[in-house]
Protein backbone atom coordinates (compact mmCIF):
# COMPACT_ATOMS: atom_id res chain seq x y z
CA MET A 1 -22.66 5.70 -12.25
CA THR A 2 -20.49 8.94 -11.37
CA SER A 3 -16.96 9.13 -10.44
CA THR A 4 -15.76 11.85 -8.04
CA ALA A 5 -12.88 13.58 -7.10
CA ASP A 6 -14.09 14.93 -3.87
CA SER A 7 -11.50 16.74 -1.65
CA THR A 8 -14.03 16.84 1.56
CA LEU A 9 -12.13 16.20 4.71
CA PRO A 10 -11.07 14.19 6.30
CA PHE A 11 -10.61 11.91 3.14
CA LYS A 12 -10.40 12.49 -0.36
CA VAL A 13 -12.95 10.46 -2.56
CA LEU A 14 -11.60 9.01 -5.46
CA TYR A 15 -14.47 7.35 -6.62
CA ARG A 16 -18.27 7.08 -5.63
CA ASP A 17 -21.49 5.81 -6.90
CA PRO A 18 -24.46 4.12 -5.24
CA TRP A 19 -22.72 1.06 -4.45
CA LEU A 20 -18.92 1.80 -4.08
CA CYS A 21 -16.68 4.27 -2.56
CA ALA A 22 -12.78 4.56 -2.83
CA ILE A 23 -10.71 7.09 -0.80
CA ASP A 24 -7.07 8.03 -0.79
CA LYS A 25 -6.22 6.56 2.60
CA PRO A 26 -3.48 8.66 4.51
CA CYS A 27 -0.65 6.87 6.18
CA ASP A 28 -0.64 6.27 10.10
CA ILE A 29 -4.50 5.68 10.64
CA MET A 30 -5.83 2.01 10.89
CA VAL A 31 -8.64 0.84 8.86
CA HIS A 32 -10.70 -0.45 11.81
CA ALA A 33 -10.22 -0.91 15.59
CA SER A 34 -8.04 -3.78 16.57
CA ARG A 35 -6.94 -5.22 19.98
CA LEU A 36 -3.06 -4.53 19.01
CA GLY A 37 -3.56 -0.90 18.36
CA THR A 38 -4.15 2.52 20.50
CA ASP A 39 -5.66 4.57 17.94
CA ARG A 40 -8.94 6.49 18.90
CA GLN A 41 -9.85 7.16 15.49
CA PHE A 42 -10.48 4.80 12.51
CA VAL A 43 -11.24 5.10 8.58
CA VAL A 44 -14.29 3.05 8.88
CA GLN A 45 -15.69 5.49 11.70
CA LEU A 46 -14.45 8.66 9.98
CA LEU A 47 -15.74 7.61 6.50
CA ARG A 48 -19.22 6.69 7.70
CA ASP A 49 -19.56 10.06 9.21
CA GLN A 50 -18.24 12.02 6.02
CA LEU A 51 -20.76 10.08 3.99
CA SER A 52 -23.70 9.92 6.49
CA GLN A 53 -24.10 6.23 5.72
CA LYS A 54 -22.64 2.93 6.91
CA VAL A 55 -19.58 1.39 4.81
CA TRP A 56 -18.06 -1.96 4.49
CA PRO A 57 -14.38 -2.20 4.20
CA VAL A 58 -13.68 -4.95 1.58
CA HIS A 59 -9.97 -5.22 1.84
CA ARG A 60 -7.00 -3.87 4.16
CA LEU A 61 -4.40 -1.43 4.19
CA ASP A 62 -1.84 -1.67 7.01
CA ARG A 63 -1.67 1.35 9.13
CA ALA A 64 1.78 2.98 7.87
CA THR A 65 0.39 2.05 4.02
CA SER A 66 -1.25 5.03 2.30
CA GLY A 67 -3.51 4.85 -0.92
CA VAL A 68 -6.54 3.64 -2.48
CA LEU A 69 -8.98 2.15 -0.21
CA LEU A 70 -12.35 0.62 -1.53
CA PHE A 71 -15.46 0.33 0.42
CA ALA A 72 -19.02 -1.24 -0.41
CA LEU A 73 -22.14 0.82 0.53
CA ASP A 74 -24.33 -2.20 1.10
CA ARG A 75 -23.97 -5.72 2.40
CA ASP A 76 -24.78 -7.38 -0.93
CA THR A 77 -22.03 -5.53 -2.74
CA ALA A 78 -19.50 -6.30 0.02
CA SER A 79 -20.21 -9.85 -0.55
CA ALA A 80 -19.66 -9.91 -4.03
CA LEU A 81 -16.42 -7.70 -3.84
CA GLY A 82 -15.33 -10.02 -1.14
CA LYS A 83 -15.55 -12.82 -3.57
CA GLN A 84 -13.45 -10.97 -6.04
CA PHE A 85 -10.67 -10.38 -3.80
CA MET A 86 -10.89 -14.19 -2.48
CA ASP A 87 -10.71 -14.91 -6.37
CA GLN A 88 -7.69 -13.12 -6.85
CA THR A 89 -9.21 -11.40 -9.79
CA VAL A 90 -8.62 -7.82 -8.35
CA GLU A 91 -5.44 -6.21 -9.84
CA LYS A 92 -3.47 -4.13 -7.08
CA CYS A 93 -0.54 -1.95 -7.71
CA TYR A 94 1.68 -0.52 -5.15
CA LEU A 95 4.88 1.87 -5.21
CA ALA A 96 7.67 1.04 -2.78
CA VAL A 97 11.23 2.20 -1.85
CA ALA A 98 13.43 -0.58 -1.13
CA ARG A 99 17.00 -0.87 0.23
CA GLY A 100 19.41 -1.91 -2.43
CA TRP A 101 18.95 -2.60 -6.23
CA VAL A 102 16.51 -5.17 -6.76
CA GLU A 103 16.43 -7.11 -10.09
CA PRO A 104 14.70 -5.42 -13.11
CA GLU A 105 11.70 -7.60 -12.46
CA GLY A 106 10.92 -10.70 -10.52
CA GLU A 107 8.47 -12.83 -8.48
CA ILE A 108 8.62 -13.46 -4.72
CA ASP A 109 6.71 -17.02 -4.56
CA HIS A 110 7.36 -17.47 -0.53
CA PRO A 111 4.51 -18.99 1.82
CA LEU A 112 3.60 -16.70 4.86
CA LYS A 113 2.72 -18.17 8.10
CA LYS A 114 -0.90 -16.42 9.45
CA HIS A 115 0.66 -16.18 12.91
CA LYS A 116 3.93 -17.12 14.84
CA ALA A 117 2.05 -20.55 15.89
CA SER A 118 1.33 -21.46 12.35
CA GLU A 119 2.97 -24.62 11.37
CA GLU A 120 2.52 -24.01 7.73
CA GLY A 121 2.46 -20.99 5.86
CA GLN A 122 -0.35 -19.74 3.19
CA ALA A 123 0.69 -19.76 -0.50
CA SER A 124 1.58 -16.08 -1.13
CA LEU A 125 2.67 -14.46 -4.39
CA THR A 126 4.13 -10.97 -5.14
CA ARG A 127 5.28 -9.70 -8.66
CA TYR A 128 7.46 -6.45 -9.07
CA ARG A 129 9.25 -4.16 -11.53
CA ARG A 130 11.92 -1.74 -10.72
CA LEU A 131 11.23 1.60 -12.00
CA ALA A 132 14.41 3.32 -10.67
CA THR A 133 17.66 3.20 -8.82
CA ALA A 134 19.84 5.67 -6.74
CA GLU A 135 23.22 5.42 -5.22
CA LEU A 136 24.14 7.71 -2.45
CA PRO A 137 27.14 9.42 -0.85
CA TYR A 138 26.31 8.36 2.55
CA ALA A 139 28.45 5.92 4.47
CA LEU A 140 26.77 3.13 6.31
CA GLY A 141 28.45 0.07 8.11
CA GLU A 142 31.26 -0.82 5.83
CA HIS A 143 29.79 0.95 2.93
CA ASP A 144 30.85 4.15 1.53
CA THR A 145 27.41 4.61 -0.66
CA VAL A 146 23.83 3.34 -0.16
CA ARG A 147 21.68 1.98 -2.68
CA TYR A 148 17.80 2.10 -3.23
CA SER A 149 15.30 0.82 -5.87
CA LEU A 150 11.91 2.61 -6.60
CA VAL A 151 9.37 -0.51 -7.38
CA GLU A 152 6.16 -1.02 -8.45
CA VAL A 153 4.53 -4.32 -6.57
CA PHE A 154 1.83 -6.33 -7.88
CA PRO A 155 0.64 -8.57 -4.92
CA LYS A 156 -1.16 -11.49 -6.25
CA THR A 157 -2.41 -12.60 -2.82
CA GLY A 158 -3.70 -10.83 0.18
CA ARG A 159 -1.74 -11.87 3.25
CA ARG A 160 -1.04 -9.92 6.37
CA HIS A 161 1.92 -7.52 5.73
CA GLN A 162 2.66 -9.62 2.54
CA ILE A 163 4.50 -7.05 0.42
CA ARG A 164 6.77 -6.02 3.55
CA ARG A 165 7.44 -9.60 4.40
CA HIS A 166 8.21 -10.75 0.97
CA PHE A 167 10.92 -8.02 0.56
CA LYS A 168 12.36 -8.70 3.68
CA HIS A 169 12.64 -12.20 2.53
CA ILE A 170 14.61 -11.30 -0.48
CA PHE A 171 16.81 -9.12 1.54
CA HIS A 172 15.51 -5.85 0.28
CA PRO A 173 13.41 -4.57 3.08
CA LEU A 174 11.08 -1.41 2.67
CA ILE A 175 12.45 1.95 3.69
CA GLY A 176 10.28 3.13 6.88
CA ASP A 177 9.13 -0.15 7.73
CA THR A 178 9.62 -0.28 11.48
CA THR A 179 8.76 -3.92 12.01
CA TYR A 180 10.41 -5.85 8.98
CA GLY A 181 12.74 -3.03 7.78
CA GLU A 182 16.34 -2.09 8.94
CA GLY A 183 16.70 0.34 11.60
CA ARG A 184 20.05 1.94 9.82
CA HIS A 185 18.41 2.79 6.73
CA ASN A 186 15.07 4.05 8.12
CA ARG A 187 17.43 6.59 10.34
CA LEU A 188 19.33 7.66 7.13
CA PHE A 189 16.04 8.64 5.41
CA ARG A 190 14.77 10.30 8.54
CA GLN A 191 18.09 12.31 8.89
CA HIS A 192 18.90 13.43 5.39
CA PHE A 193 15.31 13.32 3.89
CA GLY A 194 13.13 14.08 6.73
CA SER A 195 10.97 10.87 5.84
CA HIS A 196 9.13 9.62 8.74
CA ARG A 197 6.62 7.03 7.22
CA LEU A 198 6.64 3.78 5.74
CA LEU A 199 7.19 4.09 1.86
CA LEU A 200 4.65 2.14 0.55
CA HIS A 201 1.74 3.40 -1.37
CA ALA A 202 -1.43 1.50 -2.69
CA ARG A 203 -1.37 3.11 -6.29
CA GLY A 204 -4.21 1.51 -7.80
CA LEU A 205 -6.87 -0.93 -7.91
CA GLU A 206 -8.56 -2.61 -10.94
CA LEU A 207 -11.72 -4.82 -10.75
CA THR A 208 -15.15 -5.97 -11.95
CA HIS A 209 -17.89 -3.51 -11.01
CA PRO A 210 -20.29 -5.69 -9.12
CA VAL A 211 -23.57 -4.17 -10.49
CA ALA A 212 -22.32 -2.82 -13.85
CA GLY A 213 -20.39 -5.75 -14.84
CA THR A 214 -17.66 -3.48 -16.33
CA ARG A 215 -14.02 -3.09 -15.10
CA LEU A 216 -13.42 -0.37 -12.89
CA LYS A 217 -9.67 1.26 -12.26
CA VAL A 218 -9.23 3.64 -9.40
CA GLU A 219 -5.94 5.26 -8.65
CA ALA A 220 -4.18 7.56 -6.19
CA ALA A 221 -0.97 9.34 -6.80
CA PRO A 222 1.40 9.39 -3.77
CA ASP A 223 0.97 11.91 -1.27
CA GLU A 224 3.37 15.24 -1.14
CA GLU A 225 5.96 13.37 1.35
CA PHE A 226 6.44 10.23 -0.83
CA SER A 227 6.55 12.34 -3.93
CA ARG A 228 9.08 14.60 -2.51
CA ILE A 229 11.34 11.44 -1.35
CA ILE A 230 10.97 10.21 -4.93
CA ARG A 231 12.25 13.26 -6.53
CA THR A 232 14.79 13.92 -4.07
CA VAL A 233 16.34 10.40 -4.26
CA PHE A 234 15.68 9.37 -7.55
CA GLY A 235 15.45 12.49 -9.39
CA THR A 236 12.14 11.60 -11.48
CA ALA A 237 8.34 11.89 -10.85
CA SER A 238 7.51 10.71 -14.10
CA GLU A 239 6.68 7.24 -13.22
CA ILE A 240 4.55 8.13 -10.35
CA SER A 241 2.27 10.53 -11.65
């Protein structure tokens, strides 16, 4: 097996061997076609053309989320990887910026409905660790300052929009989230920091290689915009390199 750091456009390849390919997905592109979207280009289509072979996505990232995205390069590998995700043996790590000061560490155990018509929610678990906090001198509503947290997030299940919904549930919505977030804080980040993206990044995946049987860890640093926001707001980049 060989690991690569190929910067070939359109996607940076973080790892590739005969069975797997992991890329650094940019924000604002969908993984595959959806009836709900109007996009004309998708990661699956573009990566297939880039690699000149068929690819199988084995997990999802939201359109607005950046970071590590893993593909299988054959159907059997896709099936084996899919089982690992279903069995929750894949370790996932994200970086996020949330409104307010979250607890130093915590666990969000809150069922999430598959869709609005669902009667019961699916068991959903997210753990997190606070990396840094910031209090900024911007008046918002009845407050003279605003507070934010840089958080490392470890989703243990894989529900749709799980991290975004869970942080809304604990009243710490993610910055830049136009669906579950708070518009006033999103506008503040656009106005003062020029931030126009969801501040959620898939930092790493760790799993068992389906052929070699060894543990494989793939990581991607946040893009320049996310890194700039972290440096500007929190004054540190040491935890995200």
